[in-house]
Amino acid sequence: MLILDSILTDRGSKYAVSGGPCASEAEAKAFIKTLIRKKKFAKATHNTWGLITADGPIKNDDGETGAGNVILRMLERKGVQGHIVVVTRWYGGKHLGGDRFRHVQTAVRAYLDAAGLGNA
């Protein structure tokens, strides 16, 4: 599990991104369960994730409507399969509107680069 903490902050909201090898929805749920054992991530407002398996794409917005699709699009563009990417947000009290999607993209890009998947 690779965790990149404090990727960015905007109007009080804070973002982190994490991920690792994952082949199924069951493994994805186990990954999230492991992630939220860390108290900080358990207290997050959203742990949004995307994963492309051999059976197709799987996502969970965790209340951040549309964010899972952003993650999936980026994974598809890079041809990344069998690797879950989780974008975590701690809500800072102010709505970000469409900027939240840009922040999800920034977080996923940072993760793919750090994991050596950015040029896949």
PDB file of N, CA and C in Angstrom:
ATOM      1  N   MET A   1       0.852  -1.183   0.000  1.00  0.00           N
ATOM      2  CA  MET A   1       0.000   0.000   0.000  1.00  0.00           C
ATOM      3  C   MET A   1       0.893   1.240   0.000  1.00  0.00           C
ATOM      4  N   LEU A   2       0.682   2.069  -1.010  1.00  0.00           N
ATOM      5  CA  LEU A   2       1.409   3.333  -1.105  1.00  0.00           C
ATOM      6  C   LEU A   2       0.440   4.448  -0.726  1.00  0.00           C
ATOM      7  N   ILE A   3       0.837   5.286   0.236  1.00  0.00           N
ATOM      8  CA  ILE A   3      -0.003   6.402   0.673  1.00  0.00           C
ATOM      9  C   ILE A   3       0.775   7.699   0.477  1.00  0.00           C
ATOM     10  N   LEU A   4       0.171   8.625  -0.241  1.00  0.00           N
ATOM     11  CA  LEU A   4       0.740   9.969  -0.402  1.00  0.00           C
ATOM     12  C   LEU A   4      -0.189  10.917   0.358  1.00  0.00           C
ATOM     13  N   ASP A   5       0.303  11.382   1.484  1.00  0.00           N
ATOM     14  CA  ASP A   5      -0.499  12.202   2.380  1.00  0.00           C
ATOM     15  C   ASP A   5      -0.367  13.674   2.010  1.00  0.00           C
ATOM     16  N   SER A   6      -1.389  14.444   2.273  1.00  0.00           N
ATOM     17  CA  SER A   6      -1.370  15.893   2.075  1.00  0.00           C
ATOM     18  C   SER A   6      -0.946  16.286   0.657  1.00  0.00           C
ATOM     19  N   ILE A   7      -1.615  15.739  -0.324  1.00  0.00           N
ATOM     20  CA  ILE A   7      -1.335  16.062  -1.723  1.00  0.00           C
ATOM     21  C   ILE A   7      -1.634  17.530  -1.994  1.00  0.00           C
ATOM     22  N   LEU A   8      -2.787  18.007  -1.509  1.00  0.00           N
ATOM     23  CA  LEU A   8      -3.140  19.413  -1.696  1.00  0.00           C
ATOM     24  C   LEU A   8      -4.198  19.834  -0.699  1.00  0.00           C
ATOM     25  N   THR A   9      -4.314  21.141  -0.540  1.00  0.00           N
ATOM     26  CA  THR A   9      -5.308  21.736   0.352  1.00  0.00           C
ATOM     27  C   THR A   9      -5.990  22.869  -0.416  1.00  0.00           C
ATOM     28  N   ASP A  10      -7.310  22.967  -0.283  1.00  0.00           N
ATOM     29  CA  ASP A  10      -8.057  24.037  -0.930  1.00  0.00           C
ATOM     30  C   ASP A  10      -9.250  24.393  -0.051  1.00  0.00           C
ATOM     31  N   ARG A  11      -9.335  25.642   0.370  1.00  0.00           N
ATOM     32  CA  ARG A  11     -10.445  26.150   1.172  1.00  0.00           C
ATOM     33  C   ARG A  11     -10.748  25.247   2.365  1.00  0.00           C
ATOM     34  N   GLY A  12      -9.697  24.746   2.973  1.00  0.00           N
ATOM     35  CA  GLY A  12      -9.828  23.931   4.165  1.00  0.00           C
ATOM     36  C   GLY A  12      -9.922  22.434   3.909  1.00  0.00           C
ATOM     37  N   SER A  13     -10.319  22.039   2.700  1.00  0.00           N
ATOM     38  CA  SER A  13     -10.364  20.611   2.372  1.00  0.00           C
ATOM     39  C   SER A  13      -8.951  20.112   2.115  1.00  0.00           C
ATOM     40  N   LYS A  14      -8.675  18.904   2.599  1.00  0.00           N
ATOM     41  CA  LYS A  14      -7.358  18.300   2.420  1.00  0.00           C
ATOM     42  C   LYS A  14      -7.522  16.992   1.668  1.00  0.00           C
ATOM     43  N   TYR A  15      -6.534  16.688   0.828  1.00  0.00           N
ATOM     44  CA  TYR A  15      -6.577  15.490   0.003  1.00  0.00           C
ATOM     45  C   TYR A  15      -5.345  14.625   0.226  1.00  0.00           C
ATOM     46  N   ALA A  16      -5.570  13.314   0.138  1.00  0.00           N
ATOM     47  CA  ALA A  16      -4.497  12.327   0.127  1.00  0.00           C
ATOM     48  C   ALA A  16      -4.874  11.300  -0.931  1.00  0.00           C
ATOM     49  N   VAL A  17      -3.905  10.497  -1.341  1.00  0.00           N
ATOM     50  CA  VAL A  17      -4.187   9.447  -2.317  1.00  0.00           C
ATOM     51  C   VAL A  17      -3.397   8.205  -1.926  1.00  0.00           C
ATOM     52  N   SER A  18      -3.988   7.059  -2.153  1.00  0.00           N
ATOM     53  CA  SER A  18      -3.317   5.802  -1.836  1.00  0.00           C
ATOM     54  C   SER A  18      -3.734   4.756  -2.856  1.00  0.00           C
ATOM     55  N   GLY A  19      -3.044   3.628  -2.838  1.00  0.00           N
ATOM     56  CA  GLY A  19      -3.405   2.563  -3.760  1.00  0.00           C
ATOM     57  C   GLY A  19      -2.466   1.388  -3.649  1.00  0.00           C
ATOM     58  N   GLY A  20      -2.719   0.408  -4.486  1.00  0.00           N
ATOM     59  CA  GLY A  20      -1.904  -0.789  -4.516  1.00  0.00           C
ATOM     60  C   GLY A  20      -2.522  -1.823  -5.437  1.00  0.00           C
ATOM     61  N   PRO A  21      -1.820  -2.929  -5.640  1.00  0.00           N
ATOM     62  CA  PRO A  21      -2.343  -4.001  -6.488  1.00  0.00           C
ATOM     63  C   PRO A  21      -3.669  -4.520  -5.938  1.00  0.00           C
ATOM     64  N   CYS A  22      -4.599  -4.790  -6.843  1.00  0.00           N
ATOM     65  CA  CYS A  22      -5.937  -5.221  -6.435  1.00  0.00           C
ATOM     66  C   CYS A  22      -6.599  -5.855  -7.659  1.00  0.00           C
ATOM     67  N   ALA A  23      -7.220  -7.024  -7.472  1.00  0.00           N
ATOM     68  CA  ALA A  23      -7.764  -7.739  -8.621  1.00  0.00           C
ATOM     69  C   ALA A  23      -9.282  -7.897  -8.626  1.00  0.00           C
ATOM     70  N   SER A  24      -9.961  -7.529  -7.527  1.00  0.00           N
ATOM     71  CA  SER A  24     -11.404  -7.767  -7.472  1.00  0.00           C
ATOM     72  C   SER A  24     -12.080  -6.773  -6.532  1.00  0.00           C
ATOM     73  N   GLU A  25     -13.402  -6.768  -6.575  1.00  0.00           N
ATOM     74  CA  GLU A  25     -14.158  -5.899  -5.674  1.00  0.00           C
ATOM     75  C   GLU A  25     -13.942  -6.316  -4.221  1.00  0.00           C
ATOM     76  N   ALA A  26     -13.851  -7.623  -3.980  1.00  0.00           N
ATOM     77  CA  ALA A  26     -13.613  -8.115  -2.612  1.00  0.00           C
ATOM     78  C   ALA A  26     -12.259  -7.626  -2.100  1.00  0.00           C
ATOM     79  N   GLU A  27     -11.237  -7.678  -2.954  1.00  0.00           N
ATOM     80  CA  GLU A  27      -9.914  -7.170  -2.561  1.00  0.00           C
ATOM     81  C   GLU A  27      -9.964  -5.661  -2.340  1.00  0.00           C
ATOM     82  N   ALA A  28     -10.744  -4.962  -3.153  1.00  0.00           N
ATOM     83  CA  ALA A  28     -10.880  -3.506  -2.997  1.00  0.00           C
ATOM     84  C   ALA A  28     -11.492  -3.170  -1.638  1.00  0.00           C
ATOM     85  N   LYS A  29     -12.532  -3.907  -1.262  1.00  0.00           N
ATOM     86  CA  LYS A  29     -13.165  -3.668   0.035  1.00  0.00           C
ATOM     87  C   LYS A  29     -12.205  -3.972   1.183  1.00  0.00           C
ATOM     88  N   ALA A  30     -11.392  -5.016   1.026  1.00  0.00           N
ATOM     89  CA  ALA A  30     -10.388  -5.344   2.039  1.00  0.00           C
ATOM     90  C   ALA A  30      -9.322  -4.247   2.113  1.00  0.00           C
ATOM     91  N   PHE A  31      -8.955  -3.682   0.958  1.00  0.00           N
ATOM     92  CA  PHE A  31      -7.977  -2.593   0.903  1.00  0.00           C
ATOM     93  C   PHE A  31      -8.508  -1.386   1.676  1.00  0.00           C
ATOM     94  N   ILE A  32      -9.766  -1.018   1.424  1.00  0.00           N
ATOM     95  CA  ILE A  32     -10.382   0.129   2.105  1.00  0.00           C
ATOM     96  C   ILE A  32     -10.449  -0.136   3.602  1.00  0.00           C
ATOM     97  N   LYS A  33     -10.811  -1.343   3.981  1.00  0.00           N
ATOM     98  CA  LYS A  33     -10.888  -1.705   5.396  1.00  0.00           C
ATOM     99  C   LYS A  33      -9.530  -1.530   6.073  1.00  0.00           C
ATOM    100  N   THR A  34      -8.470  -1.944   5.381  1.00  0.00           N
ATOM    101  CA  THR A  34      -7.109  -1.779   5.909  1.00  0.00           C
ATOM    102  C   THR A  34      -6.748  -0.295   6.010  1.00  0.00           C
ATOM    103  N   LEU A  35      -7.096   0.466   4.977  1.00  0.00           N
ATOM    104  CA  LEU A  35      -6.796   1.899   4.965  1.00  0.00           C
ATOM    105  C   LEU A  35      -7.466   2.615   6.131  1.00  0.00           C
ATOM    106  N   ILE A  36      -8.736   2.315   6.375  1.00  0.00           N
ATOM    107  CA  ILE A  36      -9.447   3.059   7.419  1.00  0.00           C
ATOM    108  C   ILE A  36      -9.138   2.550   8.832  1.00  0.00           C
ATOM    109  N   ARG A  37      -8.281   1.555   8.926  1.00  0.00           N
ATOM    110  CA  ARG A  37      -7.769   1.187  10.255  1.00  0.00           C
ATOM    111  C   ARG A  37      -6.866   2.298  10.778  1.00  0.00           C
ATOM    112  N   LYS A  38      -6.321   3.073   9.858  1.00  0.00           N
ATOM    113  CA  LYS A  38      -5.552   4.255  10.248  1.00  0.00           C
ATOM    114  C   LYS A  38      -6.583   5.313  10.646  1.00  0.00           C
ATOM    115  N   LYS A  39      -6.507   5.750  11.876  1.00  0.00           N
ATOM    116  CA  LYS A  39      -7.510   6.645  12.450  1.00  0.00           C
ATOM    117  C   LYS A  39      -7.780   7.865  11.567  1.00  0.00           C
ATOM    118  N   LYS A  40      -6.717   8.432  11.016  1.00  0.00           N
ATOM    119  CA  LYS A  40      -6.846   9.619  10.175  1.00  0.00           C
ATOM    120  C   LYS A  40      -7.777   9.350   8.986  1.00  0.00           C
ATOM    121  N   PHE A  41      -7.624   8.195   8.338  1.00  0.00           N
ATOM    122  CA  PHE A  41      -8.434   7.878   7.167  1.00  0.00           C
ATOM    123  C   PHE A  41      -9.849   7.471   7.554  1.00  0.00           C
ATOM    124  N   ALA A  42     -10.010   6.902   8.733  1.00  0.00           N
ATOM    125  CA  ALA A  42     -11.350   6.559   9.223  1.00  0.00           C
ATOM    126  C   ALA A  42     -12.174   7.826   9.445  1.00  0.00           C
ATOM    127  N   LYS A  43     -11.521   8.930   9.782  1.00  0.00           N
ATOM    128  CA  LYS A  43     -12.211  10.197  10.044  1.00  0.00           C
ATOM    129  C   LYS A  43     -12.429  11.030   8.781  1.00  0.00           C
ATOM    130  N   ALA A  44     -11.952  10.552   7.627  1.00  0.00           N
ATOM    131  CA  ALA A  44     -12.096  11.302   6.377  1.00  0.00           C
ATOM    132  C   ALA A  44     -13.561  11.397   5.974  1.00  0.00           C
ATOM    133  N   THR A  45     -13.892  12.456   5.265  1.00  0.00           N
ATOM    134  CA  THR A  45     -15.242  12.644   4.767  1.00  0.00           C
ATOM    135  C   THR A  45     -15.534  11.684   3.614  1.00  0.00           C
ATOM    136  N   HIS A  46     -14.555  11.487   2.729  1.00  0.00           N
ATOM    137  CA  HIS A  46     -14.722  10.626   1.560  1.00  0.00           C
ATOM    138  C   HIS A  46     -13.457   9.810   1.317  1.00  0.00           C
ATOM    139  N   ASN A  47     -13.630   8.514   1.040  1.00  0.00           N
ATOM    140  CA  ASN A  47     -12.566   7.651   0.537  1.00  0.00           C
ATOM    141  C   ASN A  47     -13.097   7.086  -0.781  1.00  0.00           C
ATOM    142  N   THR A  48     -12.907   7.850  -1.849  1.00  0.00           N
ATOM    143  CA  THR A  48     -13.420   7.515  -3.173  1.00  0.00           C
ATOM    144  C   THR A  48     -12.398   6.648  -3.899  1.00  0.00           C
ATOM    145  N   TRP A  49     -12.859   5.611  -4.599  1.00  0.00           N
ATOM    146  CA  TRP A  49     -11.891   4.750  -5.267  1.00  0.00           C
ATOM    147  C   TRP A  49     -12.376   4.254  -6.617  1.00  0.00           C
ATOM    148  N   GLY A  50     -11.380   3.822  -7.414  1.00  0.00           N
ATOM    149  CA  GLY A  50     -11.650   3.232  -8.715  1.00  0.00           C
ATOM    150  C   GLY A  50     -10.665   2.109  -8.965  1.00  0.00           C
ATOM    151  N   LEU A  51     -11.105   1.134  -9.746  1.00  0.00           N
ATOM    152  CA  LEU A  51     -10.307  -0.053 -10.034  1.00  0.00           C
ATOM    153  C   LEU A  51     -10.799  -0.654 -11.342  1.00  0.00           C
ATOM    154  N   ILE A  52      -9.877  -1.045 -12.211  1.00  0.00           N
ATOM    155  CA  ILE A  52     -10.251  -1.747 -13.431  1.00  0.00           C
ATOM    156  C   ILE A  52      -9.747  -3.182 -13.293  1.00  0.00           C
ATOM    157  N   THR A  53     -10.702  -4.122 -13.250  1.00  0.00           N
ATOM    158  CA  THR A  53     -10.364  -5.538 -13.119  1.00  0.00           C
ATOM    159  C   THR A  53     -10.497  -6.208 -14.487  1.00  0.00           C
ATOM    160  N   ALA A  54     -10.149  -7.486 -14.541  1.00  0.00           N
ATOM    161  CA  ALA A  54     -10.321  -8.249 -15.778  1.00  0.00           C
ATOM    162  C   ALA A  54     -11.793  -8.323 -16.164  1.00  0.00           C
ATOM    163  N   ASP A  55     -12.689  -8.196 -15.160  1.00  0.00           N
ATOM    164  CA  ASP A  55     -14.132  -8.241 -15.409  1.00  0.00           C
ATOM    165  C   ASP A  55     -14.731  -6.876 -15.732  1.00  0.00           C
ATOM    166  N   GLY A  56     -13.933  -5.811 -15.614  1.00  0.00           N
ATOM    167  CA  GLY A  56     -14.434  -4.481 -15.919  1.00  0.00           C
ATOM    168  C   GLY A  56     -14.181  -3.496 -14.798  1.00  0.00           C
ATOM    169  N   PRO A  57     -14.656  -2.263 -14.974  1.00  0.00           N
ATOM    170  CA  PRO A  57     -14.407  -1.210 -13.989  1.00  0.00           C
ATOM    171  C   PRO A  57     -15.322  -1.311 -12.770  1.00  0.00           C
ATOM    172  N   ILE A  58     -14.766  -0.940 -11.620  1.00  0.00           N
ATOM    173  CA  ILE A  58     -15.512  -0.883 -10.360  1.00  0.00           C
ATOM    174  C   ILE A  58     -15.145   0.435  -9.695  1.00  0.00           C
ATOM    175  N   LYS A  59     -16.125   1.094  -9.074  1.00  0.00           N
ATOM    176  CA  LYS A  59     -15.838   2.355  -8.387  1.00  0.00           C
ATOM    177  C   LYS A  59     -16.746   2.515  -7.182  1.00  0.00           C
ATOM    178  N   ASN A  60     -16.367   3.423  -6.308  1.00  0.00           N
ATOM    179  CA  ASN A  60     -17.209   3.803  -5.181  1.00  0.00           C
ATOM    180  C   ASN A  60     -16.959   5.280  -4.915  1.00  0.00           C
ATOM    181  N   ASP A  61     -18.012   6.086  -5.032  1.00  0.00           N
ATOM    182  CA  ASP A  61     -17.883   7.536  -4.826  1.00  0.00           C
ATOM    183  C   ASP A  61     -17.817   7.922  -3.353  1.00  0.00           C
ATOM    184  N   ASP A  62     -18.299   7.074  -2.470  1.00  0.00           N
ATOM    185  CA  ASP A  62     -18.309   7.352  -1.029  1.00  0.00           C
ATOM    186  C   ASP A  62     -18.830   8.755  -0.720  1.00  0.00           C
ATOM    187  N   GLY A  63     -19.916   9.122  -1.394  1.00  0.00           N
ATOM    188  CA  GLY A  63     -20.547  10.419  -1.134  1.00  0.00           C
ATOM    189  C   GLY A  63     -19.995  11.584  -1.940  1.00  0.00           C
ATOM    190  N   GLU A  64     -18.914  11.372  -2.672  1.00  0.00           N
ATOM    191  CA  GLU A  64     -18.310  12.434  -3.504  1.00  0.00           C
ATOM    192  C   GLU A  64     -18.743  12.155  -4.944  1.00  0.00           C
ATOM    193  N   THR A  65     -20.015  12.451  -5.235  1.00  0.00           N
ATOM    194  CA  THR A  65     -20.640  12.097  -6.504  1.00  0.00           C
ATOM    195  C   THR A  65     -19.780  12.446  -7.713  1.00  0.00           C
ATOM    196  N   GLY A  66     -19.542  11.429  -8.553  1.00  0.00           N
ATOM    197  CA  GLY A  66     -18.787  11.625  -9.792  1.00  0.00           C
ATOM    198  C   GLY A  66     -17.292  11.409  -9.666  1.00  0.00           C
ATOM    199  N   ALA A  67     -16.760  11.406  -8.461  1.00  0.00           N
ATOM    200  CA  ALA A  67     -15.311  11.300  -8.291  1.00  0.00           C
ATOM    201  C   ALA A  67     -14.784   9.926  -8.715  1.00  0.00           C
ATOM    202  N   GLY A  68     -15.557   8.870  -8.474  1.00  0.00           N
ATOM    203  CA  GLY A  68     -15.130   7.535  -8.884  1.00  0.00           C
ATOM    204  C   GLY A  68     -14.963   7.446 -10.392  1.00  0.00           C
ATOM    205  N   ASN A  69     -15.859   8.110 -11.132  1.00  0.00           N
ATOM    206  CA  ASN A  69     -15.748   8.124 -12.597  1.00  0.00           C
ATOM    207  C   ASN A  69     -14.489   8.844 -13.054  1.00  0.00           C
ATOM    208  N   VAL A  70     -14.108   9.901 -12.367  1.00  0.00           N
ATOM    209  CA  VAL A  70     -12.881  10.635 -12.710  1.00  0.00           C
ATOM    210  C   VAL A  70     -11.685   9.704 -12.549  1.00  0.00           C
ATOM    211  N   ILE A  71     -11.643   8.962 -11.450  1.00  0.00           N
ATOM    212  CA  ILE A  71     -10.543   8.030 -11.206  1.00  0.00           C
ATOM    213  C   ILE A  71     -10.511   6.963 -12.302  1.00  0.00           C
ATOM    214  N   LEU A  72     -11.675   6.377 -12.612  1.00  0.00           N
ATOM    215  CA  LEU A  72     -11.738   5.336 -13.642  1.00  0.00           C
ATOM    216  C   LEU A  72     -11.268   5.844 -14.999  1.00  0.00           C
ATOM    217  N   ARG A  73     -11.702   7.032 -15.395  1.00  0.00           N
ATOM    218  CA  ARG A  73     -11.281   7.602 -16.688  1.00  0.00           C
ATOM    219  C   ARG A  73      -9.772   7.724 -16.761  1.00  0.00           C
ATOM    220  N   MET A  74      -9.164   8.167 -15.652  1.00  0.00           N
ATOM    221  CA  MET A  74      -7.708   8.338 -15.653  1.00  0.00           C
ATOM    222  C   MET A  74      -6.994   6.984 -15.728  1.00  0.00           C
ATOM    223  N   LEU A  75      -7.515   5.981 -15.016  1.00  0.00           N
ATOM    224  CA  LEU A  75      -6.925   4.638 -15.073  1.00  0.00           C
ATOM    225  C   LEU A  75      -7.068   4.054 -16.479  1.00  0.00           C
ATOM    226  N   GLU A  76      -8.230   4.251 -17.090  1.00  0.00           N
ATOM    227  CA  GLU A  76      -8.451   3.760 -18.457  1.00  0.00           C
ATOM    228  C   GLU A  76      -7.492   4.421 -19.439  1.00  0.00           C
ATOM    229  N   ARG A  77      -7.334   5.736 -19.322  1.00  0.00           N
ATOM    230  CA  ARG A  77      -6.438   6.475 -20.212  1.00  0.00           C
ATOM    231  C   ARG A  77      -5.007   5.967 -20.139  1.00  0.00           C
ATOM    232  N   LYS A  78      -4.588   5.600 -18.935  1.00  0.00           N
ATOM    233  CA  LYS A  78      -3.215   5.131 -18.735  1.00  0.00           C
ATOM    234  C   LYS A  78      -3.082   3.626 -18.923  1.00  0.00           C
ATOM    235  N   GLY A  79      -4.200   2.936 -19.120  1.00  0.00           N
ATOM    236  CA  GLY A  79      -4.163   1.492 -19.306  1.00  0.00           C
ATOM    237  C   GLY A  79      -3.783   0.733 -18.043  1.00  0.00           C
ATOM    238  N   VAL A  80      -4.156   1.279 -16.886  1.00  0.00           N
ATOM    239  CA  VAL A  80      -3.800   0.665 -15.601  1.00  0.00           C
ATOM    240  C   VAL A  80      -4.918  -0.272 -15.161  1.00  0.00           C
ATOM    241  N   GLN A  81      -4.590  -1.563 -15.078  1.00  0.00           N
ATOM    242  CA  GLN A  81      -5.542  -2.572 -14.604  1.00  0.00           C
ATOM    243  C   GLN A  81      -4.979  -3.249 -13.369  1.00  0.00           C
ATOM    244  N   GLY A  82      -5.878  -3.751 -12.522  1.00  0.00           N
ATOM    245  CA  GLY A  82      -5.451  -4.509 -11.354  1.00  0.00           C
ATOM    246  C   GLY A  82      -4.747  -3.671 -10.308  1.00  0.00           C
ATOM    247  N   HIS A  83      -5.123  -2.398 -10.218  1.00  0.00           N
ATOM    248  CA  HIS A  83      -4.488  -1.477  -9.275  1.00  0.00           C
ATOM    249  C   HIS A  83      -5.549  -0.495  -8.771  1.00  0.00           C
ATOM    250  N   ILE A  84      -5.861  -0.547  -7.482  1.00  0.00           N
ATOM    251  CA  ILE A  84      -6.854   0.366  -6.907  1.00  0.00           C
ATOM    252  C   ILE A  84      -6.195   1.713  -6.601  1.00  0.00           C
ATOM    253  N   VAL A  85      -6.940   2.785  -6.842  1.00  0.00           N
ATOM    254  CA  VAL A  85      -6.506   4.127  -6.464  1.00  0.00           C
ATOM    255  C   VAL A  85      -7.627   4.741  -5.623  1.00  0.00           C
ATOM    256  N   VAL A  86      -7.255   5.211  -4.426  1.00  0.00           N
ATOM    257  CA  VAL A  86      -8.209   5.785  -3.477  1.00  0.00           C
ATOM    258  C   VAL A  86      -7.847   7.253  -3.247  1.00  0.00           C
ATOM    259  N   VAL A  87      -8.789   8.147  -3.499  1.00  0.00           N
ATOM    260  CA  VAL A  87      -8.587   9.568  -3.216  1.00  0.00           C
ATOM    261  C   VAL A  87      -9.387   9.884  -1.954  1.00  0.00           C
ATOM    262  N   THR A  88      -8.687  10.365  -0.940  1.00  0.00           N
ATOM    263  CA  THR A  88      -9.296  10.680   0.349  1.00  0.00           C
ATOM    264  C   THR A  88      -9.428  12.191   0.483  1.00  0.00           C
ATOM    265  N   ARG A  89     -10.601  12.624   0.973  1.00  0.00           N
ATOM    266  CA  ARG A  89     -10.835  14.053   1.200  1.00  0.00           C
ATOM    267  C   ARG A  89     -11.383  14.255   2.606  1.00  0.00           C
ATOM    268  N   TRP A  90     -10.792  15.231   3.271  1.00  0.00           N
ATOM    269  CA  TRP A  90     -11.320  15.711   4.543  1.00  0.00           C
ATOM    270  C   TRP A  90     -11.960  17.050   4.231  1.00  0.00           C
ATOM    271  N   TYR A  91     -13.274  17.133   4.370  1.00  0.00           N
ATOM    272  CA  TYR A  91     -14.027  18.340   4.018  1.00  0.00           C
ATOM    273  C   TYR A  91     -13.650  19.483   4.945  1.00  0.00           C
ATOM    274  N   GLY A  92     -13.394  20.647   4.334  1.00  0.00           N
ATOM    275  CA  GLY A  92     -12.938  21.797   5.097  1.00  0.00           C
ATOM    276  C   GLY A  92     -13.997  22.827   5.419  1.00  0.00           C
ATOM    277  N   GLY A  93     -15.266  22.550   5.090  1.00  0.00           N
ATOM    278  CA  GLY A  93     -16.325  23.481   5.458  1.00  0.00           C
ATOM    279  C   GLY A  93     -16.824  24.361   4.328  1.00  0.00           C
ATOM    280  N   LYS A  94     -16.123  24.370   3.188  1.00  0.00           N
ATOM    281  CA  LYS A  94     -16.574  25.181   2.053  1.00  0.00           C
ATOM    282  C   LYS A  94     -16.682  24.292   0.820  1.00  0.00           C
ATOM    283  N   HIS A  95     -17.782  24.457   0.097  1.00  0.00           N
ATOM    284  CA  HIS A  95     -17.979  23.674  -1.121  1.00  0.00           C
ATOM    285  C   HIS A  95     -16.970  24.097  -2.181  1.00  0.00           C
ATOM    286  N   LEU A  96     -16.443  23.103  -2.900  1.00  0.00           N
ATOM    287  CA  LEU A  96     -15.419  23.371  -3.910  1.00  0.00           C
ATOM    288  C   LEU A  96     -15.977  23.379  -5.324  1.00  0.00           C
ATOM    289  N   GLY A  97     -17.246  22.986  -5.475  1.00  0.00           N
ATOM    290  CA  GLY A  97     -17.839  22.947  -6.807  1.00  0.00           C
ATOM    291  C   GLY A  97     -17.047  22.024  -7.721  1.00  0.00           C
ATOM    292  N   GLY A  98     -16.886  22.431  -8.963  1.00  0.00           N
ATOM    293  CA  GLY A  98     -16.166  21.635  -9.954  1.00  0.00           C
ATOM    294  C   GLY A  98     -14.685  21.481  -9.662  1.00  0.00           C
ATOM    295  N   ASP A  99     -14.136  22.344  -8.817  1.00  0.00           N
ATOM    296  CA  ASP A  99     -12.710  22.236  -8.484  1.00  0.00           C
ATOM    297  C   ASP A  99     -12.378  20.892  -7.839  1.00  0.00           C
ATOM    298  N   ARG A 100     -13.370  20.286  -7.184  1.00  0.00           N
ATOM    299  CA  ARG A 100     -13.090  19.011  -6.516  1.00  0.00           C
ATOM    300  C   ARG A 100     -12.673  17.952  -7.525  1.00  0.00           C
ATOM    301  N   PHE A 101     -13.212  17.992  -8.745  1.00  0.00           N
ATOM    302  CA  PHE A 101     -12.817  17.025  -9.769  1.00  0.00           C
ATOM    303  C   PHE A 101     -11.378  17.265 -10.225  1.00  0.00           C
ATOM    304  N   ARG A 102     -11.021  18.512 -10.345  1.00  0.00           N
ATOM    305  CA  ARG A 102      -9.636  18.845 -10.701  1.00  0.00           C
ATOM    306  C   ARG A 102      -8.682  18.338  -9.621  1.00  0.00           C
ATOM    307  N   HIS A 103      -9.092  18.446  -8.362  1.00  0.00           N
ATOM    308  CA  HIS A 103      -8.248  17.974  -7.253  1.00  0.00           C
ATOM    309  C   HIS A 103      -8.130  16.444  -7.252  1.00  0.00           C
ATOM    310  N   VAL A 104      -9.210  15.761  -7.604  1.00  0.00           N
ATOM    311  CA  VAL A 104      -9.151  14.299  -7.718  1.00  0.00           C
ATOM    312  C   VAL A 104      -8.156  13.926  -8.820  1.00  0.00           C
ATOM    313  N   GLN A 105      -8.211  14.628  -9.945  1.00  0.00           N
ATOM    314  CA  GLN A 105      -7.267  14.369 -11.033  1.00  0.00           C
ATOM    315  C   GLN A 105      -5.823  14.600 -10.588  1.00  0.00           C
ATOM    316  N   THR A 106      -5.587  15.675  -9.880  1.00  0.00           N
ATOM    317  CA  THR A 106      -4.236  15.980  -9.384  1.00  0.00           C
ATOM    318  C   THR A 106      -3.744  14.867  -8.468  1.00  0.00           C
ATOM    319  N   ALA A 107      -4.611  14.401  -7.589  1.00  0.00           N
ATOM    320  CA  ALA A 107      -4.237  13.337  -6.651  1.00  0.00           C
ATOM    321  C   ALA A 107      -3.926  12.038  -7.390  1.00  0.00           C
ATOM    322  N   VAL A 108      -4.776  11.666  -8.341  1.00  0.00           N
ATOM    323  CA  VAL A 108      -4.548  10.423  -9.093  1.00  0.00           C
ATOM    324  C   VAL A 108      -3.255  10.523  -9.899  1.00  0.00           C
ATOM    325  N   ARG A 109      -3.026  11.657 -10.538  1.00  0.00           N
ATOM    326  CA  ARG A 109      -1.788  11.862 -11.311  1.00  0.00           C
ATOM    327  C   ARG A 109      -0.566  11.689 -10.413  1.00  0.00           C
ATOM    328  N   ALA A 110      -0.621  12.282  -9.212  1.00  0.00           N
ATOM    329  CA  ALA A 110       0.504  12.169  -8.276  1.00  0.00           C
ATOM    330  C   ALA A 110       0.736  10.709  -7.886  1.00  0.00           C
ATOM    331  N   TYR A 111      -0.350   9.979  -7.667  1.00  0.00           N
ATOM    332  CA  TYR A 111      -0.213   8.562  -7.289  1.00  0.00           C
ATOM    333  C   TYR A 111       0.387   7.751  -8.452  1.00  0.00           C
ATOM    334  N   LEU A 112      -0.151   7.924  -9.642  1.00  0.00           N
ATOM    335  CA  LEU A 112       0.350   7.153 -10.788  1.00  0.00           C
ATOM    336  C   LEU A 112       1.833   7.421 -11.033  1.00  0.00           C
ATOM    337  N   ASP A 113       2.242   8.668 -10.884  1.00  0.00           N
ATOM    338  CA  ASP A 113       3.671   9.003 -11.041  1.00  0.00           C
ATOM    339  C   ASP A 113       4.510   8.352  -9.955  1.00  0.00           C
ATOM    340  N   ALA A 114       4.072   8.455  -8.697  1.00  0.00           N
ATOM    341  CA  ALA A 114       4.827   7.896  -7.565  1.00  0.00           C
ATOM    342  C   ALA A 114       4.904   6.369  -7.634  1.00  0.00           C
ATOM    343  N   ALA A 115       3.853   5.741  -8.174  1.00  0.00           N
ATOM    344  CA  ALA A 115       3.821   4.273  -8.253  1.00  0.00           C
ATOM    345  C   ALA A 115       4.486   3.752  -9.530  1.00  0.00           C
ATOM    346  N   GLY A 116       4.983   4.684 -10.356  1.00  0.00           N
ATOM    347  CA  GLY A 116       5.612   4.278 -11.615  1.00  0.00           C
ATOM    348  C   GLY A 116       4.620   3.820 -12.665  1.00  0.00           C
ATOM    349  N   LEU A 117       3.373   4.266 -12.528  1.00  0.00           N
ATOM    350  CA  LEU A 117       2.330   3.885 -13.483  1.00  0.00           C
ATOM    351  C   LEU A 117       1.951   5.056 -14.384  1.00  0.00           C
ATOM    352  N   GLY A 118       2.598   6.187 -14.210  1.00  0.00           N
ATOM    353  CA  GLY A 118       2.260   7.396 -14.953  1.00  0.00           C
ATOM    354  C   GLY A 118       2.517   7.313 -16.436  1.00  0.00           C
ATOM    355  N   ASN A 119       3.410   6.415 -16.842  1.00  0.00           N
ATOM    356  CA  ASN A 119       3.729   6.302 -18.255  1.00  0.00           C
ATOM    357  C   ASN A 119       3.233   4.983 -18.845  1.00  0.00           C
ATOM    358  N   ALA A 120       2.309   4.381 -18.111  1.00  0.00           N
ATOM    359  CA  ALA A 120       1.807   3.061 -18.566  1.00  0.00           C
ATOM    360  C   ALA A 120       1.139   3.182 -19.910  1.00  0.00           C
TER     361      ALA A 120
END
